[in-house]
């Protein structure tokens, strides 16, 4: 990511994160139940301007930072941490978290053991570990988060962390008749869709697609037939708040074994229709499919109204999706 201090470099770092995620072929924010981002992210400790709008000099910033370090005022350092600011304002990596740094900044240091700072740069927490959990019944918990102070071959101190993920509880699928789960989506609507930077709000001609991963969970009409196409709504033109109040869409999921459902995900994708240049993704929302199965196991039918989920694109929130969901167990004949 973009190095160096200053507002312009902070903005460029945020843009770099978005560009990197765009190049992964699938937004890590929603493509897994649990995700980590870590490395030298180059975010700095940046103190605010004065009441007259004057930014502190490098010497003033270094002196303030050194005083906070001497007092072990980790909260004070956190308040001026650019990464915390970017996460708080949802400029990058929405939904990701990072533990509070209760230790000395990891940059810029003399190449020897301990924390001896080079006055050319404001001491900063450039080296970070972030995580995100999107599973309803278990989430990552940080246990250890610390720098390796004895590391002496770089002007950075590397970070190490220990994180705990509770053991997954197996699904109780002993009832043979519960082999297929029909998911019915009704009253679909979106709000506050954000177009890609090259588009205007009036260019938003969108539809929704609903699908699951792995796709092998989709029920096939015949054993030898191709996988069914994912449900798709009609296209609504020129609206960042499209809705489909009268459309009903269904997916039938095979629930044959606990192993099949482990890590399974349900996606709602907002798609920009463009018959000339080709369709493009506005954002993807993820629903924990395994959690839906767990909620519906003890009844022949389970329903939730007003389900709300967030569309993500390249780590940023780009709208919300709402729908009513009915889960019905089908008896295999």
Protein backbone atom coordinates (compact mmCIF):
# COMPACT_ATOMS: atom_id res chain seq x y z
CA UNK A 1 0.00 0.00 0.00
CA UNK A 2 0.99 3.62 -0.51
CA UNK A 3 3.72 4.65 1.99
CA UNK A 4 4.43 7.97 3.75
CA UNK A 5 2.42 10.37 5.87
CA UNK A 6 -0.20 12.93 4.87
CA UNK A 7 -3.87 13.00 3.87
CA UNK A 8 -3.20 12.36 0.18
CA UNK A 9 -1.23 9.20 1.01
CA UNK A 10 -3.98 8.05 3.41
CA UNK A 11 -6.56 8.39 0.62
CA UNK A 12 -4.25 6.54 -1.80
CA UNK A 13 -3.84 3.68 0.71
CA UNK A 14 -7.62 3.33 0.90
CA UNK A 15 -7.82 3.26 -2.90
CA UNK A 16 -5.03 0.66 -3.02
CA UNK A 17 -7.00 -1.66 -0.70
CA UNK A 18 -10.04 -1.40 -2.94
CA UNK A 19 -7.96 -2.04 -6.06
CA UNK A 20 -6.26 -5.11 -4.54
CA UNK A 21 -9.60 -6.63 -3.52
CA UNK A 22 -10.99 -5.92 -7.00
CA UNK A 23 -8.13 -7.97 -8.46
CA UNK A 24 -8.78 -11.06 -6.35
CA UNK A 25 -11.64 -12.25 -8.57
CA UNK A 26 -14.02 -12.38 -5.61
CA UNK A 27 -14.48 -10.03 -2.68
CA UNK A 28 -12.93 -11.71 0.40
CA UNK A 29 -15.43 -9.74 2.49
CA UNK A 30 -18.20 -12.12 1.43
CA UNK A 31 -16.55 -15.13 -0.22
CA UNK A 32 -15.85 -16.91 3.09
CA UNK A 33 -17.36 -17.20 6.53
CA UNK A 34 -14.07 -16.11 8.09
CA UNK A 35 -11.31 -14.01 6.56
CA UNK A 36 -8.00 -12.43 7.59
CA UNK A 37 -6.08 -9.48 6.16
CA UNK A 38 -2.57 -8.88 7.46
CA UNK A 39 0.77 -7.33 6.57
CA UNK A 40 2.54 -3.99 6.37
CA UNK A 41 -0.49 -1.84 5.56
CA UNK A 42 1.40 1.46 5.98
CA UNK A 43 -1.37 3.23 7.92
CA UNK A 44 0.07 5.90 10.19
CA UNK A 45 -0.61 7.75 13.41
CA UNK A 46 -1.87 11.13 12.17
CA UNK A 47 -2.78 13.83 14.67
CA UNK A 48 -5.64 16.23 13.86
CA UNK A 49 -5.25 19.78 12.67
CA UNK A 50 -5.60 22.70 15.04
CA UNK A 51 -8.83 24.70 15.45
CA UNK A 52 -7.43 27.03 12.78
CA UNK A 53 -6.98 24.12 10.36
CA UNK A 54 -3.19 23.99 10.65
CA UNK A 55 -1.62 20.53 10.50
CA UNK A 56 1.11 19.72 13.06
CA UNK A 57 4.68 19.71 11.80
CA UNK A 58 6.66 16.44 11.66
CA UNK A 59 8.58 17.54 14.74
CA UNK A 60 5.37 18.31 16.64
CA UNK A 61 3.78 14.98 15.62
CA UNK A 62 6.87 13.05 16.70
CA UNK A 63 6.96 14.82 20.07
CA UNK A 64 3.24 14.22 20.77
CA UNK A 65 3.54 10.58 19.76
CA UNK A 66 6.68 10.03 21.85
CA UNK A 67 4.87 11.48 24.87
CA UNK A 68 1.90 9.14 24.39
CA UNK A 69 4.26 6.17 24.09
CA UNK A 70 6.14 7.20 27.23
CA UNK A 71 2.83 7.38 29.14
CA UNK A 72 1.62 4.11 27.54
CA UNK A 73 -1.50 5.97 26.45
CA UNK A 74 -2.56 3.35 23.92
CA UNK A 75 -6.08 4.75 23.75
CA UNK A 76 -4.72 8.17 22.82
CA UNK A 77 -2.63 6.64 20.03
CA UNK A 78 -5.62 4.68 18.80
CA UNK A 79 -7.68 7.84 18.42
CA UNK A 80 -5.18 9.11 15.84
CA UNK A 81 -4.58 5.76 14.11
CA UNK A 82 -5.43 6.03 10.41
CA UNK A 83 -6.47 2.38 10.12
CA UNK A 84 -8.98 2.71 12.95
CA UNK A 85 -10.30 5.87 11.28
CA UNK A 86 -10.67 4.13 7.90
CA UNK A 87 -12.52 1.20 9.48
CA UNK A 88 -14.74 3.46 11.58
CA UNK A 89 -15.72 5.56 8.56
CA UNK A 90 -16.19 2.43 6.41
CA UNK A 91 -13.69 3.58 3.82
CA UNK A 92 -12.10 0.11 3.60
CA UNK A 93 -12.64 -3.50 4.71
CA UNK A 94 -16.16 -3.01 6.07
CA UNK A 95 -16.95 -5.44 8.84
CA UNK A 96 -13.29 -6.25 9.53
CA UNK A 97 -11.89 -5.73 13.00
CA UNK A 98 -8.43 -5.38 14.49
CA UNK A 99 -7.45 -5.71 18.14
CA UNK A 100 -6.50 -2.62 20.07
CA UNK A 101 -2.74 -2.06 20.00
CA UNK A 102 -1.71 -2.15 23.66
CA UNK A 103 1.98 -1.87 22.85
CA UNK A 104 4.50 0.49 21.28
CA UNK A 105 4.15 1.39 17.58
CA UNK A 106 5.95 -1.00 15.24
CA UNK A 107 7.47 1.59 12.85
CA UNK A 108 9.87 3.39 12.19
CA UNK A 109 12.57 1.82 14.37
CA UNK A 110 16.30 1.48 14.55
CA UNK A 111 17.49 -1.98 13.51
CA UNK A 112 18.12 -3.35 16.97
CA UNK A 113 16.20 -5.08 19.72
CA UNK A 114 13.60 -3.02 21.54
CA UNK A 115 11.72 0.13 20.54
CA UNK A 116 14.12 2.89 19.50
CA UNK A 117 12.50 5.24 17.00
CA UNK A 118 13.90 7.00 13.95
CA UNK A 119 12.82 10.65 14.15
CA UNK A 120 12.37 10.85 10.36
CA UNK A 121 8.86 9.36 10.75
CA UNK A 122 6.05 9.60 13.29
CA UNK A 123 5.94 6.26 15.19
CA UNK A 124 3.00 4.29 13.78
CA UNK A 125 1.19 0.95 13.82
CA UNK A 126 1.89 0.05 10.21
CA UNK A 127 1.91 -3.75 10.69
CA UNK A 128 -1.54 -5.17 11.38
CA UNK A 129 -3.81 -8.21 11.51
CA UNK A 130 -7.53 -7.85 10.78
CA UNK A 131 -10.32 -10.41 10.71
CA UNK A 132 -13.95 -10.74 9.80
CA UNK A 133 -16.52 -13.40 10.74
CA UNK A 134 -19.83 -13.72 8.90
CA UNK A 135 -21.08 -16.91 10.50
CA UNK A 136 -24.03 -16.52 12.85
CA UNK A 137 -23.22 -19.18 15.44
CA UNK A 138 -19.45 -18.73 15.82
CA UNK A 139 -16.88 -16.01 15.29
CA UNK A 140 -13.14 -15.43 15.59
CA UNK A 141 -11.82 -14.31 18.97
CA UNK A 142 -8.35 -12.75 19.39
CA UNK A 143 -6.25 -14.29 22.17
CA UNK A 144 -2.75 -12.91 21.53
CA UNK A 145 -1.78 -9.83 19.50
CA UNK A 146 1.74 -8.51 19.92
CA UNK A 147 4.90 -7.35 18.16
CA UNK A 148 8.19 -9.27 18.25
CA UNK A 149 10.34 -6.65 19.96
CA UNK A 150 13.60 -8.59 19.59
CA UNK A 151 13.41 -8.56 15.77
CA UNK A 152 16.33 -6.41 14.60
CA UNK A 153 16.76 -6.78 10.82
CA UNK A 154 14.08 -4.28 9.74
CA UNK A 155 12.77 -0.85 10.66
CA UNK A 156 9.43 -2.62 11.33
CA UNK A 157 8.62 -4.99 14.18
CA UNK A 158 6.65 -7.97 12.83
CA UNK A 159 3.32 -8.85 14.43
CA UNK A 160 2.09 -12.20 15.66
CA UNK A 161 -1.38 -13.21 16.75
CA UNK A 162 -3.26 -16.18 18.11
CA UNK A 163 -6.95 -16.36 17.25
CA UNK A 164 -9.61 -18.81 18.42
CA UNK A 165 -12.48 -20.11 16.32
CA UNK A 166 -15.00 -22.21 18.29
CA UNK A 167 -15.43 -25.75 17.06
CA UNK A 168 -18.26 -26.19 14.60
CA UNK A 169 -21.17 -28.16 16.04
CA UNK A 170 -22.43 -30.87 13.64
CA UNK A 171 -25.96 -30.65 12.30
CA UNK A 172 -28.49 -33.13 13.61
CA UNK A 173 -29.68 -34.67 10.34
CA UNK A 174 -30.95 -37.98 11.63
CA UNK A 175 -34.46 -37.47 10.18
CA UNK A 176 -34.39 -39.18 6.80
CA UNK A 177 -37.37 -37.28 5.42
CA UNK A 178 -35.59 -33.95 5.71
CA UNK A 179 -33.45 -34.25 2.62
CA UNK A 180 -34.37 -31.14 0.62
CA UNK A 181 -34.94 -27.61 1.85
CA UNK A 182 -36.93 -25.21 -0.30
CA UNK A 183 -36.03 -21.56 0.21
CA UNK A 184 -38.66 -19.08 -0.96
CA UNK A 185 -37.73 -15.41 -1.35
CA UNK A 186 -40.49 -12.77 -1.35
CA UNK A 187 -40.78 -8.98 -1.19
CA UNK A 188 -37.23 -8.43 -2.42
CA UNK A 189 -36.01 -4.84 -2.40
CA UNK A 190 -32.75 -2.89 -2.33
CA UNK A 191 -31.78 0.46 -0.89
CA UNK A 192 -28.93 2.91 -1.47
CA UNK A 193 -27.20 1.00 -4.26
CA UNK A 194 -23.85 2.62 -5.11
CA UNK A 195 -22.80 2.44 -8.77
CA UNK A 196 -19.22 1.85 -9.83
CA UNK A 197 -17.22 5.11 -10.17
CA UNK A 198 -17.68 5.23 -13.95
CA UNK A 199 -21.49 5.31 -13.69
CA UNK A 200 -24.15 7.81 -12.65
CA UNK A 201 -27.02 6.97 -10.29
CA UNK A 202 -29.37 7.24 -13.27
CA UNK A 203 -27.46 4.43 -15.03
CA UNK A 204 -28.58 1.84 -12.47
CA UNK A 205 -30.60 -0.76 -14.37
CA UNK A 206 -30.35 -3.70 -12.00
CA UNK A 207 -31.63 -7.16 -11.22
CA UNK A 208 -30.92 -9.71 -8.48
CA UNK A 209 -29.51 -13.22 -8.72
CA UNK A 210 -29.76 -15.77 -5.90
CA UNK A 211 -27.37 -18.73 -5.73
CA UNK A 212 -25.46 -20.91 -3.29
CA UNK A 213 -21.96 -22.27 -2.81
CA UNK A 214 -21.11 -25.03 -3.27
CA UNK A 215 -23.38 -25.28 -6.29
CA UNK A 216 -23.56 -29.06 -5.85
CA UNK A 217 -26.11 -28.43 -3.08
CA UNK A 218 -28.68 -27.31 -5.65
CA UNK A 219 -31.33 -29.92 -6.28
CA UNK A 220 -31.40 -31.19 -9.88
CA UNK A 221 -34.67 -32.15 -11.59
CA UNK A 222 -32.98 -35.27 -12.96
CA UNK A 223 -29.72 -36.99 -11.91
CA UNK A 224 -28.10 -36.41 -15.29
CA UNK A 225 -29.38 -32.90 -15.90
CA UNK A 226 -27.35 -29.70 -15.68
CA UNK A 227 -27.48 -27.56 -12.58
CA UNK A 228 -30.54 -25.29 -12.59
CA UNK A 229 -29.97 -21.63 -13.39
CA UNK A 230 -30.03 -19.39 -10.30
CA UNK A 231 -33.24 -17.43 -9.75
CA UNK A 232 -33.18 -13.98 -11.33
CA UNK A 233 -35.52 -11.03 -10.89
CA UNK A 234 -36.73 -8.69 -13.60
CA UNK A 235 -34.59 -5.65 -14.35
CA UNK A 236 -35.63 -2.39 -12.70
CA UNK A 237 -34.43 0.68 -14.56
CA UNK A 238 -32.80 3.88 -13.28
CA UNK A 239 -33.24 3.29 -9.56
CA UNK A 240 -30.92 2.87 -6.59
CA UNK A 241 -33.92 1.53 -4.64
CA UNK A 242 -35.34 -1.23 -6.88
CA UNK A 243 -38.04 -3.52 -5.50
CA UNK A 244 -39.87 -6.64 -6.63
CA UNK A 245 -42.94 -6.80 -4.34
CA UNK A 246 -44.81 -9.39 -6.41
CA UNK A 247 -41.98 -11.68 -7.47
CA UNK A 248 -41.37 -15.01 -5.73
CA UNK A 249 -38.14 -16.95 -6.23
CA UNK A 250 -37.22 -20.41 -5.00
CA UNK A 251 -34.10 -22.48 -4.45
CA UNK A 252 -34.16 -26.15 -3.48
CA UNK A 253 -31.13 -27.26 -1.47
CA UNK A 254 -30.02 -30.87 -1.03
CA UNK A 255 -29.38 -31.60 2.63
CA UNK A 256 -27.84 -35.04 2.39
CA UNK A 257 -25.08 -34.88 4.99
CA UNK A 258 -23.56 -32.63 7.62
CA UNK A 259 -20.32 -32.45 5.61
CA UNK A 260 -22.17 -31.04 2.59
CA UNK A 261 -23.52 -28.12 4.63
CA UNK A 262 -20.30 -27.21 6.44
CA UNK A 263 -19.20 -23.79 5.21
CA UNK A 264 -22.11 -23.45 2.78
CA UNK A 265 -23.20 -19.96 1.78
CA UNK A 266 -26.16 -18.31 0.13
CA UNK A 267 -25.60 -15.22 -2.03
CA UNK A 268 -27.78 -12.41 -3.31
CA UNK A 269 -26.04 -10.51 -6.09
CA UNK A 270 -27.07 -7.10 -7.41
CA UNK A 271 -26.22 -6.98 -11.10
CA UNK A 272 -26.03 -3.98 -13.41
CA UNK A 273 -27.59 -4.86 -16.75
CA UNK A 274 -25.70 -3.59 -19.79
CA UNK A 275 -26.63 -5.19 -23.10
CA UNK A 276 -23.77 -3.46 -24.92
CA UNK A 277 -20.74 -3.84 -22.62
CA UNK A 278 -21.97 -6.81 -20.61
CA UNK A 279 -23.38 -7.10 -17.11
CA UNK A 280 -21.38 -6.00 -14.07
CA UNK A 281 -21.69 -6.70 -10.36
CA UNK A 282 -22.90 -3.87 -8.15
CA UNK A 283 -22.42 -5.86 -4.94
CA UNK A 284 -22.79 -9.25 -3.29
CA UNK A 285 -24.57 -10.05 -0.02
CA UNK A 286 -23.95 -13.29 1.86
CA UNK A 287 -26.37 -15.26 4.03
CA UNK A 288 -25.20 -18.12 6.24
CA UNK A 289 -26.90 -21.12 4.60
CA UNK A 290 -25.83 -23.52 7.33
CA UNK A 291 -27.45 -21.23 9.90
CA UNK A 292 -30.72 -21.27 7.93
CA UNK A 293 -30.70 -25.07 8.02
CA UNK A 294 -30.05 -25.06 11.78
CA UNK A 295 -32.94 -22.65 12.43
CA UNK A 296 -35.39 -24.72 10.41
CA UNK A 297 -34.41 -28.25 11.54
CA UNK A 298 -37.06 -28.60 14.27
CA UNK A 299 -40.08 -27.60 12.17
CA UNK A 300 -41.52 -28.50 8.80
CA UNK A 301 -41.57 -24.80 7.96
CA UNK A 302 -39.69 -21.75 9.20
CA UNK A 303 -40.15 -18.13 8.19
CA UNK A 304 -38.36 -14.82 8.81
CA UNK A 305 -39.72 -11.49 7.63
CA UNK A 306 -37.62 -8.45 6.83
CA UNK A 307 -34.27 -10.20 6.50
CA UNK A 308 -31.64 -7.48 6.06
CA UNK A 309 -28.23 -8.03 4.51
CA UNK A 310 -25.50 -5.78 3.12
CA UNK A 311 -24.05 -5.65 -0.38
CA UNK A 312 -20.25 -5.48 -0.51
CA UNK A 313 -17.94 -4.59 -3.39
CA UNK A 314 -14.18 -4.59 -2.94
CA UNK A 315 -14.53 -4.40 0.83
CA UNK A 316 -16.97 -1.46 0.89
CA UNK A 317 -20.69 -1.33 1.63
CA UNK A 318 -22.59 -0.51 -1.57
CA UNK A 319 -26.22 -0.96 -0.52
CA UNK A 320 -28.64 -3.14 1.38
CA UNK A 321 -31.02 -5.93 0.46
CA UNK A 322 -34.27 -6.86 2.23
CA UNK A 323 -36.55 -9.86 1.76
CA UNK A 324 -38.92 -12.29 3.45
CA UNK A 325 -37.63 -15.86 3.60
CA UNK A 326 -39.62 -19.06 3.97
CA UNK A 327 -37.80 -22.38 4.52
CA UNK A 328 -39.84 -25.51 3.84
CA UNK A 329 -38.67 -29.11 4.17
CA UNK A 330 -39.67 -31.31 1.25
CA UNK A 331 -40.23 -35.03 1.61
CA UNK A 332 -38.23 -37.01 -0.94
CA UNK A 333 -40.43 -39.37 -2.95
